[in-house]
Amino acid sequence: MTTNRTKTIRILNDAFRRTWLTGEVLMTPGIGSLSIESQSRIAGAVQTFDAFTADNDPHGEHDFGAVTVDGTKVFWKIDYYAMDMLHGSEDPADPKVTKRVLTIMLAEEY
């Protein structure tokens, strides 16, 4: 069962992942070692990802995904921090108290 809180988190996560405007995006050293062209294709694949299923999104928050770009398997994950970035957010459904961080990594870096 999806609650209103889960729907709110999903909406906030999707908006952030698609635009990168409401949080911080980090790419691991493995992603950084790829060509700029590959990094760009990976960024596009993460932003347009919509293959959420009960298996890869059991909580319905759209906070994790996997894509394969140029034969490279990539994971992405959204984490929720307090605005001071020192600890986790008390309420990921409230953008006033939550800073979203999207990390994009090679699957082998996970």
PDB file of N, CA and C in Angstrom:
ATOM      1  N   MET A   1       0.826  -1.183   0.000  1.00  0.00           N
ATOM      2  CA  MET A   1       0.000   0.000   0.000  1.00  0.00           C
ATOM      3  C   MET A   1       0.877   1.256   0.000  1.00  0.00           C
ATOM      4  N   THR A   2       0.605   2.165  -0.902  1.00  0.00           N
ATOM      5  CA  THR A   2       1.359   3.404  -1.003  1.00  0.00           C
ATOM      6  C   THR A   2       0.639   4.502  -0.226  1.00  0.00           C
ATOM      7  N   THR A   3       1.358   5.120   0.687  1.00  0.00           N
ATOM      8  CA  THR A   3       0.779   6.189   1.495  1.00  0.00           C
ATOM      9  C   THR A   3       0.988   7.542   0.817  1.00  0.00           C
ATOM     10  N   ASN A   4       0.297   8.556   1.298  1.00  0.00           N
ATOM     11  CA  ASN A   4       0.502   9.911   0.781  1.00  0.00           C
ATOM     12  C   ASN A   4       1.936  10.360   1.011  1.00  0.00           C
ATOM     13  N   ARG A   5       2.525   9.972   2.144  1.00  0.00           N
ATOM     14  CA  ARG A   5       3.915  10.325   2.449  1.00  0.00           C
ATOM     15  C   ARG A   5       4.854   9.710   1.410  1.00  0.00           C
ATOM     16  N   THR A   6       4.637   8.434   1.090  1.00  0.00           N
ATOM     17  CA  THR A   6       5.462   7.767   0.080  1.00  0.00           C
ATOM     18  C   THR A   6       5.299   8.442  -1.271  1.00  0.00           C
ATOM     19  N   LYS A   7       4.075   8.799  -1.632  1.00  0.00           N
ATOM     20  CA  LYS A   7       3.838   9.491  -2.901  1.00  0.00           C
ATOM     21  C   LYS A   7       4.574  10.824  -2.939  1.00  0.00           C
ATOM     22  N   THR A   8       4.563  11.542  -1.834  1.00  0.00           N
ATOM     23  CA  THR A   8       5.267  12.824  -1.766  1.00  0.00           C
ATOM     24  C   THR A   8       6.764  12.625  -1.947  1.00  0.00           C
ATOM     25  N   ILE A   9       7.331  11.641  -1.248  1.00  0.00           N
ATOM     26  CA  ILE A   9       8.764  11.351  -1.390  1.00  0.00           C
ATOM     27  C   ILE A   9       9.081  10.981  -2.836  1.00  0.00           C
ATOM     28  N   ARG A  10       8.248  10.142  -3.445  1.00  0.00           N
ATOM     29  CA  ARG A  10       8.461   9.736  -4.843  1.00  0.00           C
ATOM     30  C   ARG A  10       8.445  10.952  -5.765  1.00  0.00           C
ATOM     31  N   ILE A  11       7.487  11.839  -5.596  1.00  0.00           N
ATOM     32  CA  ILE A  11       7.388  13.043  -6.430  1.00  0.00           C
ATOM     33  C   ILE A  11       8.637  13.907  -6.264  1.00  0.00           C
ATOM     34  N   LEU A  12       9.074  14.104  -5.026  1.00  0.00           N
ATOM     35  CA  LEU A  12      10.277  14.899  -4.769  1.00  0.00           C
ATOM     36  C   LEU A  12      11.519  14.238  -5.367  1.00  0.00           C
ATOM     37  N   ASN A  13      11.632  12.921  -5.212  1.00  0.00           N
ATOM     38  CA  ASN A  13      12.778  12.200  -5.776  1.00  0.00           C
ATOM     39  C   ASN A  13      12.788  12.275  -7.296  1.00  0.00           C
ATOM     40  N   ASP A  14      11.634  12.062  -7.926  1.00  0.00           N
ATOM     41  CA  ASP A  14      11.567  12.115  -9.390  1.00  0.00           C
ATOM     42  C   ASP A  14      11.922  13.505  -9.907  1.00  0.00           C
ATOM     43  N   ALA A  15      11.402  14.547  -9.258  1.00  0.00           N
ATOM     44  CA  ALA A  15      11.695  15.910  -9.691  1.00  0.00           C
ATOM     45  C   ALA A  15      13.192  16.196  -9.585  1.00  0.00           C
ATOM     46  N   PHE A  16      13.791  15.781  -8.481  1.00  0.00           N
ATOM     47  CA  PHE A  16      15.230  15.988  -8.304  1.00  0.00           C
ATOM     48  C   PHE A  16      16.030  15.193  -9.318  1.00  0.00           C
ATOM     49  N   ARG A  17      15.727  13.910  -9.459  1.00  0.00           N
ATOM     50  CA  ARG A  17      16.505  13.062 -10.366  1.00  0.00           C
ATOM     51  C   ARG A  17      16.411  13.564 -11.798  1.00  0.00           C
ATOM     52  N   ARG A  18      15.253  14.034 -12.206  1.00  0.00           N
ATOM     53  CA  ARG A  18      15.071  14.484 -13.596  1.00  0.00           C
ATOM     54  C   ARG A  18      15.739  15.824 -13.879  1.00  0.00           C
ATOM     55  N   THR A  19      15.850  16.688 -12.866  1.00  0.00           N
ATOM     56  CA  THR A  19      16.346  18.049 -13.104  1.00  0.00           C
ATOM     57  C   THR A  19      17.679  18.364 -12.448  1.00  0.00           C
ATOM     58  N   TRP A  20      18.002  17.665 -11.358  1.00  0.00           N
ATOM     59  CA  TRP A  20      19.196  17.898 -10.552  1.00  0.00           C
ATOM     60  C   TRP A  20      19.201  19.296  -9.927  1.00  0.00           C
ATOM     61  N   LEU A  21      18.042  19.897  -9.761  1.00  0.00           N
ATOM     62  CA  LEU A  21      17.968  21.272  -9.285  1.00  0.00           C
ATOM     63  C   LEU A  21      17.741  21.407  -7.782  1.00  0.00           C
ATOM     64  N   THR A  22      17.263  20.374  -7.113  1.00  0.00           N
ATOM     65  CA  THR A  22      16.860  20.532  -5.716  1.00  0.00           C
ATOM     66  C   THR A  22      17.711  19.718  -4.747  1.00  0.00           C
ATOM     67  N   GLY A  23      18.941  19.434  -5.125  1.00  0.00           N
ATOM     68  CA  GLY A  23      19.828  18.664  -4.256  1.00  0.00           C
ATOM     69  C   GLY A  23      21.239  18.694  -4.810  1.00  0.00           C
ATOM     70  N   GLU A  24      22.030  17.735  -4.379  1.00  0.00           N
ATOM     71  CA  GLU A  24      23.406  17.611  -4.856  1.00  0.00           C
ATOM     72  C   GLU A  24      23.572  16.297  -5.601  1.00  0.00           C
ATOM     73  N   VAL A  25      24.382  16.326  -6.646  1.00  0.00           N
ATOM     74  CA  VAL A  25      24.677  15.129  -7.430  1.00  0.00           C
ATOM     75  C   VAL A  25      26.161  14.821  -7.289  1.00  0.00           C
ATOM     76  N   LEU A  26      26.455  13.579  -6.937  1.00  0.00           N
ATOM     77  CA  LEU A  26      27.837  13.128  -6.801  1.00  0.00           C
ATOM     78  C   LEU A  26      28.085  11.987  -7.775  1.00  0.00           C
ATOM     79  N   MET A  27      29.240  12.010  -8.394  1.00  0.00           N
ATOM     80  CA  MET A  27      29.665  10.898  -9.247  1.00  0.00           C
ATOM     81  C   MET A  27      30.934  10.329  -8.640  1.00  0.00           C
ATOM     82  N   THR A  28      30.977   9.020  -8.537  1.00  0.00           N
ATOM     83  CA  THR A  28      32.118   8.352  -7.932  1.00  0.00           C
ATOM     84  C   THR A  28      33.341   8.435  -8.846  1.00  0.00           C
ATOM     85  N   PRO A  29      34.523   8.116  -8.310  1.00  0.00           N
ATOM     86  CA  PRO A  29      35.724   8.118  -9.147  1.00  0.00           C
ATOM     87  C   PRO A  29      35.600   7.218 -10.382  1.00  0.00           C
ATOM     88  N   GLY A  30      34.905   6.101 -10.247  1.00  0.00           N
ATOM     89  CA  GLY A  30      34.731   5.219 -11.406  1.00  0.00           C
ATOM     90  C   GLY A  30      33.972   5.895 -12.534  1.00  0.00           C
ATOM     91  N   ILE A  31      32.934   6.613 -12.210  1.00  0.00           N
ATOM     92  CA  ILE A  31      32.188   7.368 -13.225  1.00  0.00           C
ATOM     93  C   ILE A  31      33.072   8.478 -13.775  1.00  0.00           C
ATOM     94  N   GLY A  32      33.797   9.155 -12.884  1.00  0.00           N
ATOM     95  CA  GLY A  32      34.686  10.236 -13.308  1.00  0.00           C
ATOM     96  C   GLY A  32      35.802   9.786 -14.219  1.00  0.00           C
ATOM     97  N   SER A  33      36.148   8.497 -14.175  1.00  0.00           N
ATOM     98  CA  SER A  33      37.231   7.985 -15.028  1.00  0.00           C
ATOM     99  C   SER A  33      36.763   7.702 -16.458  1.00  0.00           C
ATOM    100  N   LEU A  34      35.458   7.742 -16.667  1.00  0.00           N
ATOM    101  CA  LEU A  34      34.916   7.485 -18.005  1.00  0.00           C
ATOM    102  C   LEU A  34      35.011   8.744 -18.863  1.00  0.00           C
ATOM    103  N   SER A  35      34.873   8.567 -20.150  1.00  0.00           N
ATOM    104  CA  SER A  35      34.913   9.726 -21.044  1.00  0.00           C
ATOM    105  C   SER A  35      33.748  10.664 -20.738  1.00  0.00           C
ATOM    106  N   ILE A  36      33.916  11.912 -21.072  1.00  0.00           N
ATOM    107  CA  ILE A  36      32.861  12.910 -20.874  1.00  0.00           C
ATOM    108  C   ILE A  36      31.603  12.495 -21.630  1.00  0.00           C
ATOM    109  N   GLU A  37      31.774  11.895 -22.801  1.00  0.00           N
ATOM    110  CA  GLU A  37      30.625  11.448 -23.593  1.00  0.00           C
ATOM    111  C   GLU A  37      29.857  10.344 -22.854  1.00  0.00           C
ATOM    112  N   SER A  38      30.585   9.378 -22.282  1.00  0.00           N
ATOM    113  CA  SER A  38      29.934   8.317 -21.502  1.00  0.00           C
ATOM    114  C   SER A  38      29.250   8.896 -20.268  1.00  0.00           C
ATOM    115  N   GLN A  39      29.914   9.819 -19.578  1.00  0.00           N
ATOM    116  CA  GLN A  39      29.311  10.451 -18.410  1.00  0.00           C
ATOM    117  C   GLN A  39      28.009  11.160 -18.788  1.00  0.00           C
ATOM    118  N   SER A  40      28.009  11.814 -19.920  1.00  0.00           N
ATOM    119  CA  SER A  40      26.814  12.515 -20.383  1.00  0.00           C
ATOM    120  C   SER A  40      25.678  11.541 -20.684  1.00  0.00           C
ATOM    121  N   ARG A  41      25.994  10.425 -21.331  1.00  0.00           N
ATOM    122  CA  ARG A  41      24.968   9.418 -21.623  1.00  0.00           C
ATOM    123  C   ARG A  41      24.445   8.788 -20.333  1.00  0.00           C
ATOM    124  N   ILE A  42      25.328   8.566 -19.372  1.00  0.00           N
ATOM    125  CA  ILE A  42      24.912   8.024 -18.077  1.00  0.00           C
ATOM    126  C   ILE A  42      23.984   9.015 -17.376  1.00  0.00           C
ATOM    127  N   ALA A  43      24.362  10.277 -17.359  1.00  0.00           N
ATOM    128  CA  ALA A  43      23.511  11.297 -16.739  1.00  0.00           C
ATOM    129  C   ALA A  43      22.123  11.294 -17.372  1.00  0.00           C
ATOM    130  N   GLY A  44      22.069  11.241 -18.689  1.00  0.00           N
ATOM    131  CA  GLY A  44      20.781  11.202 -19.377  1.00  0.00           C
ATOM    132  C   GLY A  44      19.973   9.963 -19.025  1.00  0.00           C
ATOM    133  N   ALA A  45      20.646   8.822 -18.921  1.00  0.00           N
ATOM    134  CA  ALA A  45      19.949   7.572 -18.585  1.00  0.00           C
ATOM    135  C   ALA A  45      19.383   7.610 -17.166  1.00  0.00           C
ATOM    136  N   VAL A  46      20.124   8.208 -16.246  1.00  0.00           N
ATOM    137  CA  VAL A  46      19.631   8.331 -14.874  1.00  0.00           C
ATOM    138  C   VAL A  46      18.433   9.283 -14.833  1.00  0.00           C
ATOM    139  N   GLN A  47      18.551  10.396 -15.519  1.00  0.00           N
ATOM    140  CA  GLN A  47      17.469  11.384 -15.494  1.00  0.00           C
ATOM    141  C   GLN A  47      16.185  10.875 -16.141  1.00  0.00           C
ATOM    142  N   THR A  48      16.295   9.987 -17.102  1.00  0.00           N
ATOM    143  CA  THR A  48      15.094   9.503 -17.799  1.00  0.00           C
ATOM    144  C   THR A  48      14.642   8.122 -17.325  1.00  0.00           C
ATOM    145  N   PHE A  49      15.339   7.553 -16.352  1.00  0.00           N
ATOM    146  CA  PHE A  49      14.993   6.225 -15.848  1.00  0.00           C
ATOM    147  C   PHE A  49      13.546   6.191 -15.374  1.00  0.00           C
ATOM    148  N   ASP A  50      12.809   5.157 -15.795  1.00  0.00           N
ATOM    149  CA  ASP A  50      11.422   5.011 -15.326  1.00  0.00           C
ATOM    150  C   ASP A  50      11.013   3.547 -15.190  1.00  0.00           C
ATOM    151  N   ALA A  51      11.980   2.649 -15.135  1.00  0.00           N
ATOM    152  CA  ALA A  51      11.710   1.207 -15.077  1.00  0.00           C
ATOM    153  C   ALA A  51      11.582   0.725 -13.636  1.00  0.00           C
ATOM    154  N   PHE A  52      10.797   1.424 -12.839  1.00  0.00           N
ATOM    155  CA  PHE A  52      10.612   1.033 -11.442  1.00  0.00           C
ATOM    156  C   PHE A  52       9.658  -0.143 -11.354  1.00  0.00           C
ATOM    157  N   THR A  53      10.033  -1.115 -10.517  1.00  0.00           N
ATOM    158  CA  THR A  53       9.206  -2.295 -10.288  1.00  0.00           C
ATOM    159  C   THR A  53       9.179  -2.590  -8.787  1.00  0.00           C
ATOM    160  N   ALA A  54       8.340  -3.517  -8.394  1.00  0.00           N
ATOM    161  CA  ALA A  54       8.302  -3.920  -6.989  1.00  0.00           C
ATOM    162  C   ALA A  54       9.640  -4.509  -6.556  1.00  0.00           C
ATOM    163  N   ASP A  55      10.382  -5.111  -7.485  1.00  0.00           N
ATOM    164  CA  ASP A  55      11.682  -5.695  -7.154  1.00  0.00           C
ATOM    165  C   ASP A  55      12.756  -4.641  -6.901  1.00  0.00           C
ATOM    166  N   ASN A  56      12.805  -3.607  -7.754  1.00  0.00           N
ATOM    167  CA  ASN A  56      13.881  -2.620  -7.613  1.00  0.00           C
ATOM    168  C   ASN A  56      13.451  -1.371  -6.846  1.00  0.00           C
ATOM    169  N   ASP A  57      12.175  -1.290  -6.496  1.00  0.00           N
ATOM    170  CA  ASP A  57      11.656  -0.126  -5.769  1.00  0.00           C
ATOM    171  C   ASP A  57      10.620  -0.581  -4.737  1.00  0.00           C
ATOM    172  N   PRO A  58      11.039  -1.439  -3.791  1.00  0.00           N
ATOM    173  CA  PRO A  58      10.064  -2.050  -2.874  1.00  0.00           C
ATOM    174  C   PRO A  58       9.317  -1.061  -1.987  1.00  0.00           C
ATOM    175  N   HIS A  59       9.900   0.112  -1.743  1.00  0.00           N
ATOM    176  CA  HIS A  59       9.237   1.095  -0.884  1.00  0.00           C
ATOM    177  C   HIS A  59       8.485   2.151  -1.681  1.00  0.00           C
ATOM    178  N   GLY A  60       8.587   2.107  -3.012  1.00  0.00           N
ATOM    179  CA  GLY A  60       7.851   3.026  -3.865  1.00  0.00           C
ATOM    180  C   GLY A  60       8.343   4.459  -3.846  1.00  0.00           C
ATOM    181  N   GLU A  61       9.594   4.669  -3.415  1.00  0.00           N
ATOM    182  CA  GLU A  61      10.115   6.025  -3.299  1.00  0.00           C
ATOM    183  C   GLU A  61      10.938   6.487  -4.505  1.00  0.00           C
ATOM    184  N   HIS A  62      11.186   5.618  -5.456  1.00  0.00           N
ATOM    185  CA  HIS A  62      11.998   5.955  -6.637  1.00  0.00           C
ATOM    186  C   HIS A  62      13.360   6.516  -6.215  1.00  0.00           C
ATOM    187  N   ASP A  63      14.004   5.816  -5.280  1.00  0.00           N
ATOM    188  CA  ASP A  63      15.274   6.298  -4.748  1.00  0.00           C
ATOM    189  C   ASP A  63      16.489   5.476  -5.180  1.00  0.00           C
ATOM    190  N   PHE A  64      16.298   4.516  -6.072  1.00  0.00           N
ATOM    191  CA  PHE A  64      17.405   3.675  -6.528  1.00  0.00           C
ATOM    192  C   PHE A  64      17.088   3.167  -7.921  1.00  0.00           C
ATOM    193  N   GLY A  65      18.128   2.998  -8.721  1.00  0.00           N
ATOM    194  CA  GLY A  65      17.943   2.398 -10.033  1.00  0.00           C
ATOM    195  C   GLY A  65      19.255   1.895 -10.597  1.00  0.00           C
ATOM    196  N   ALA A  66      19.157   1.123 -11.654  1.00  0.00           N
ATOM    197  CA  ALA A  66      20.324   0.586 -12.351  1.00  0.00           C
ATOM    198  C   ALA A  66      20.099   0.775 -13.841  1.00  0.00           C
ATOM    199  N   VAL A  67      21.148   1.207 -14.525  1.00  0.00           N
ATOM    200  CA  VAL A  67      21.104   1.377 -15.976  1.00  0.00           C
ATOM    201  C   VAL A  67      22.386   0.796 -16.556  1.00  0.00           C
ATOM    202  N   THR A  68      22.323   0.410 -17.803  1.00  0.00           N
ATOM    203  CA  THR A  68      23.523  -0.017 -18.518  1.00  0.00           C
ATOM    204  C   THR A  68      23.717   0.931 -19.684  1.00  0.00           C
ATOM    205  N   VAL A  69      24.886   1.553 -19.722  1.00  0.00           N
ATOM    206  CA  VAL A  69      25.208   2.540 -20.749  1.00  0.00           C
ATOM    207  C   VAL A  69      26.561   2.172 -21.339  1.00  0.00           C
ATOM    208  N   ASP A  70      26.622   2.065 -22.645  1.00  0.00           N
ATOM    209  CA  ASP A  70      27.878   1.709 -23.320  1.00  0.00           C
ATOM    210  C   ASP A  70      28.472   0.425 -22.748  1.00  0.00           C
ATOM    211  N   GLY A  71      27.605  -0.511 -22.357  1.00  0.00           N
ATOM    212  CA  GLY A  71      28.047  -1.778 -21.806  1.00  0.00           C
ATOM    213  C   GLY A  71      28.491  -1.713 -20.355  1.00  0.00           C
ATOM    214  N   THR A  72      28.340  -0.565 -19.727  1.00  0.00           N
ATOM    215  CA  THR A  72      28.757  -0.375 -18.336  1.00  0.00           C
ATOM    216  C   THR A  72      27.524  -0.326 -17.441  1.00  0.00           C
ATOM    217  N   LYS A  73      27.488  -1.187 -16.416  1.00  0.00           N
ATOM    218  CA  LYS A  73      26.372  -1.185 -15.475  1.00  0.00           C
ATOM    219  C   LYS A  73      26.600  -0.111 -14.413  1.00  0.00           C
ATOM    220  N   VAL A  74      25.578   0.718 -14.230  1.00  0.00           N
ATOM    221  CA  VAL A  74      25.656   1.869 -13.340  1.00  0.00           C
ATOM    222  C   VAL A  74      24.489   1.818 -12.364  1.00  0.00           C
ATOM    223  N   PHE A  75      24.771   2.104 -11.107  1.00  0.00           N
ATOM    224  CA  PHE A  75      23.729   2.253 -10.088  1.00  0.00           C
ATOM    225  C   PHE A  75      23.608   3.730  -9.743  1.00  0.00           C
ATOM    226  N   TRP A  76      22.419   4.131  -9.351  1.00  0.00           N
ATOM    227  CA  TRP A  76      22.227   5.459  -8.777  1.00  0.00           C
ATOM    228  C   TRP A  76      21.353   5.324  -7.532  1.00  0.00           C
ATOM    229  N   LYS A  77      21.582   6.199  -6.560  1.00  0.00           N
ATOM    230  CA  LYS A  77      20.881   6.135  -5.272  1.00  0.00           C
ATOM    231  C   LYS A  77      20.661   7.537  -4.750  1.00  0.00           C
ATOM    232  N   ILE A  78      19.449   7.790  -4.248  1.00  0.00           N
ATOM    233  CA  ILE A  78      19.146   9.065  -3.597  1.00  0.00           C
ATOM    234  C   ILE A  78      19.117   8.825  -2.090  1.00  0.00           C
ATOM    235  N   ASP A  79      19.874   9.643  -1.361  1.00  0.00           N
ATOM    236  CA  ASP A  79      19.875   9.599   0.095  1.00  0.00           C
ATOM    237  C   ASP A  79      19.321  10.915   0.617  1.00  0.00           C
ATOM    238  N   TYR A  80      18.811  10.863   1.855  1.00  0.00           N
ATOM    239  CA  TYR A  80      18.142  12.005   2.466  1.00  0.00           C
ATOM    240  C   TYR A  80      18.941  12.485   3.671  1.00  0.00           C
ATOM    241  N   TYR A  81      19.367  13.742   3.634  1.00  0.00           N
ATOM    242  CA  TYR A  81      20.146  14.323   4.722  1.00  0.00           C
ATOM    243  C   TYR A  81      19.414  15.508   5.333  1.00  0.00           C
ATOM    244  N   ALA A  82      19.744  15.796   6.598  1.00  0.00           N
ATOM    245  CA  ALA A  82      19.300  17.046   7.210  1.00  0.00           C
ATOM    246  C   ALA A  82      19.976  18.191   6.454  1.00  0.00           C
ATOM    247  N   MET A  83      19.428  19.377   6.554  1.00  0.00           N
ATOM    248  CA  MET A  83      19.969  20.505   5.804  1.00  0.00           C
ATOM    249  C   MET A  83      21.427  20.800   6.155  1.00  0.00           C
ATOM    250  N   ASP A  84      21.867  20.441   7.352  1.00  0.00           N
ATOM    251  CA  ASP A  84      23.262  20.669   7.724  1.00  0.00           C
ATOM    252  C   ASP A  84      24.202  19.612   7.138  1.00  0.00           C
ATOM    253  N   MET A  85      23.641  18.596   6.495  1.00  0.00           N
ATOM    254  CA  MET A  85      24.397  17.528   5.834  1.00  0.00           C
ATOM    255  C   MET A  85      25.238  16.701   6.815  1.00  0.00           C
ATOM    256  N   LEU A  86      24.935  16.759   8.105  1.00  0.00           N
ATOM    257  CA  LEU A  86      25.697  16.015   9.092  1.00  0.00           C
ATOM    258  C   LEU A  86      25.031  14.699   9.489  1.00  0.00           C
ATOM    259  N   HIS A  87      23.732  14.591   9.255  1.00  0.00           N
ATOM    260  CA  HIS A  87      23.023  13.364   9.598  1.00  0.00           C
ATOM    261  C   HIS A  87      21.783  13.239   8.715  1.00  0.00           C
ATOM    262  N   GLY A  88      21.105  12.112   8.850  1.00  0.00           N
ATOM    263  CA  GLY A  88      19.948  11.842   8.012  1.00  0.00           C
ATOM    264  C   GLY A  88      18.779  12.766   8.306  1.00  0.00           C
ATOM    265  N   SER A  89      17.945  12.949   7.310  1.00  0.00           N
ATOM    266  CA  SER A  89      16.752  13.774   7.455  1.00  0.00           C
ATOM    267  C   SER A  89      15.742  13.092   8.360  1.00  0.00           C
ATOM    268  N   GLU A  90      15.081  13.884   9.160  1.00  0.00           N
ATOM    269  CA  GLU A  90      14.016  13.359  10.013  1.00  0.00           C
ATOM    270  C   GLU A  90      12.744  13.100   9.221  1.00  0.00           C
ATOM    271  N   ASP A  91      12.577  13.790   8.071  1.00  0.00           N
ATOM    272  CA  ASP A  91      11.358  13.633   7.283  1.00  0.00           C
ATOM    273  C   ASP A  91      11.631  13.880   5.802  1.00  0.00           C
ATOM    274  N   PRO A  92      11.987  12.832   5.045  1.00  0.00           N
ATOM    275  CA  PRO A  92      12.282  12.989   3.618  1.00  0.00           C
ATOM    276  C   PRO A  92      11.109  13.516   2.787  1.00  0.00           C
ATOM    277  N   ALA A  93       9.910  13.526   3.359  1.00  0.00           N
ATOM    278  CA  ALA A  93       8.750  14.066   2.642  1.00  0.00           C
ATOM    279  C   ALA A  93       8.671  15.582   2.767  1.00  0.00           C
ATOM    280  N   ASP A  94       9.521  16.173   3.601  1.00  0.00           N
ATOM    281  CA  ASP A  94       9.501  17.616   3.810  1.00  0.00           C
ATOM    282  C   ASP A  94      10.756  18.253   3.221  1.00  0.00           C
ATOM    283  N   PRO A  95      10.628  18.936   2.080  1.00  0.00           N
ATOM    284  CA  PRO A  95      11.815  19.521   1.449  1.00  0.00           C
ATOM    285  C   PRO A  95      12.445  20.652   2.262  1.00  0.00           C
ATOM    286  N   LYS A  96      11.741  21.178   3.245  1.00  0.00           N
ATOM    287  CA  LYS A  96      12.315  22.238   4.075  1.00  0.00           C
ATOM    288  C   LYS A  96      13.349  21.709   5.058  1.00  0.00           C
ATOM    289  N   VAL A  97      13.296  20.391   5.334  1.00  0.00           N
ATOM    290  CA  VAL A  97      14.237  19.810   6.293  1.00  0.00           C
ATOM    291  C   VAL A  97      15.102  18.720   5.662  1.00  0.00           C
ATOM    292  N   THR A  98      15.015  18.583   4.340  1.00  0.00           N
ATOM    293  CA  THR A  98      15.714  17.484   3.662  1.00  0.00           C
ATOM    294  C   THR A  98      16.545  17.984   2.491  1.00  0.00           C
ATOM    295  N   LYS A  99      17.789  17.557   2.472  1.00  0.00           N
ATOM    296  CA  LYS A  99      18.681  17.796   1.331  1.00  0.00           C
ATOM    297  C   LYS A  99      18.868  16.440   0.659  1.00  0.00           C
ATOM    298  N   ARG A 100      18.504  16.348  -0.608  1.00  0.00           N
ATOM    299  CA  ARG A 100      18.658  15.107  -1.358  1.00  0.00           C
ATOM    300  C   ARG A 100      20.043  15.060  -2.006  1.00  0.00           C
ATOM    301  N   VAL A 101      20.647  13.868  -1.945  1.00  0.00           N
ATOM    302  CA  VAL A 101      21.947  13.651  -2.581  1.00  0.00           C
ATOM    303  C   VAL A 101      21.812  12.437  -3.484  1.00  0.00           C
ATOM    304  N   LEU A 102      22.076  12.648  -4.757  1.00  0.00           N
ATOM    305  CA  LEU A 102      22.036  11.581  -5.759  1.00  0.00           C
ATOM    306  C   LEU A 102      23.468  11.160  -6.045  1.00  0.00           C
ATOM    307  N   THR A 103      23.759   9.892  -5.793  1.00  0.00           N
ATOM    308  CA  THR A 103      25.087   9.353  -6.079  1.00  0.00           C
ATOM    309  C   THR A 103      24.985   8.417  -7.269  1.00  0.00           C
ATOM    310  N   ILE A 104      25.848   8.632  -8.249  1.00  0.00           N
ATOM    311  CA  ILE A 104      25.909   7.789  -9.438  1.00  0.00           C
ATOM    312  C   ILE A 104      27.245   7.060  -9.399  1.00  0.00           C
ATOM    313  N   MET A 105      27.174   5.710  -9.515  1.00  0.00           N
ATOM    314  CA  MET A 105      28.385   4.901  -9.335  1.00  0.00           C
ATOM    315  C   MET A 105      28.409   3.713 -10.296  1.00  0.00           C
ATOM    316  N   LEU A 106      29.575   3.229 -10.591  1.00  0.00           N
ATOM    317  CA  LEU A 106      29.695   1.968 -11.305  1.00  0.00           C
ATOM    318  C   LEU A 106      29.170   0.869 -10.395  1.00  0.00           C
ATOM    319  N   ALA A 107      28.541  -0.144 -10.959  1.00  0.00           N
ATOM    320  CA  ALA A 107      27.993  -1.225 -10.144  1.00  0.00           C
ATOM    321  C   ALA A 107      29.070  -1.865  -9.269  1.00  0.00           C
ATOM    322  N   GLU A 108      30.280  -1.984  -9.786  1.00  0.00           N
ATOM    323  CA  GLU A 108      31.334  -2.634  -8.991  1.00  0.00           C
ATOM    324  C   GLU A 108      31.833  -1.759  -7.837  1.00  0.00           C
ATOM    325  N   GLU A 109      31.437  -0.491  -7.807  1.00  0.00           N
ATOM    326  CA  GLU A 109      31.817   0.387  -6.698  1.00  0.00           C
ATOM    327  C   GLU A 109      30.824   0.298  -5.537  1.00  0.00           C
ATOM    328  N   TYR A 110      29.710  -0.379  -5.756  1.00  0.00           N
ATOM    329  CA  TYR A 110      28.663  -0.440  -4.727  1.00  0.00           C
ATOM    330  C   TYR A 110      29.082  -1.292  -3.552  1.00  0.00           C
TER     331      TYR A 110
END
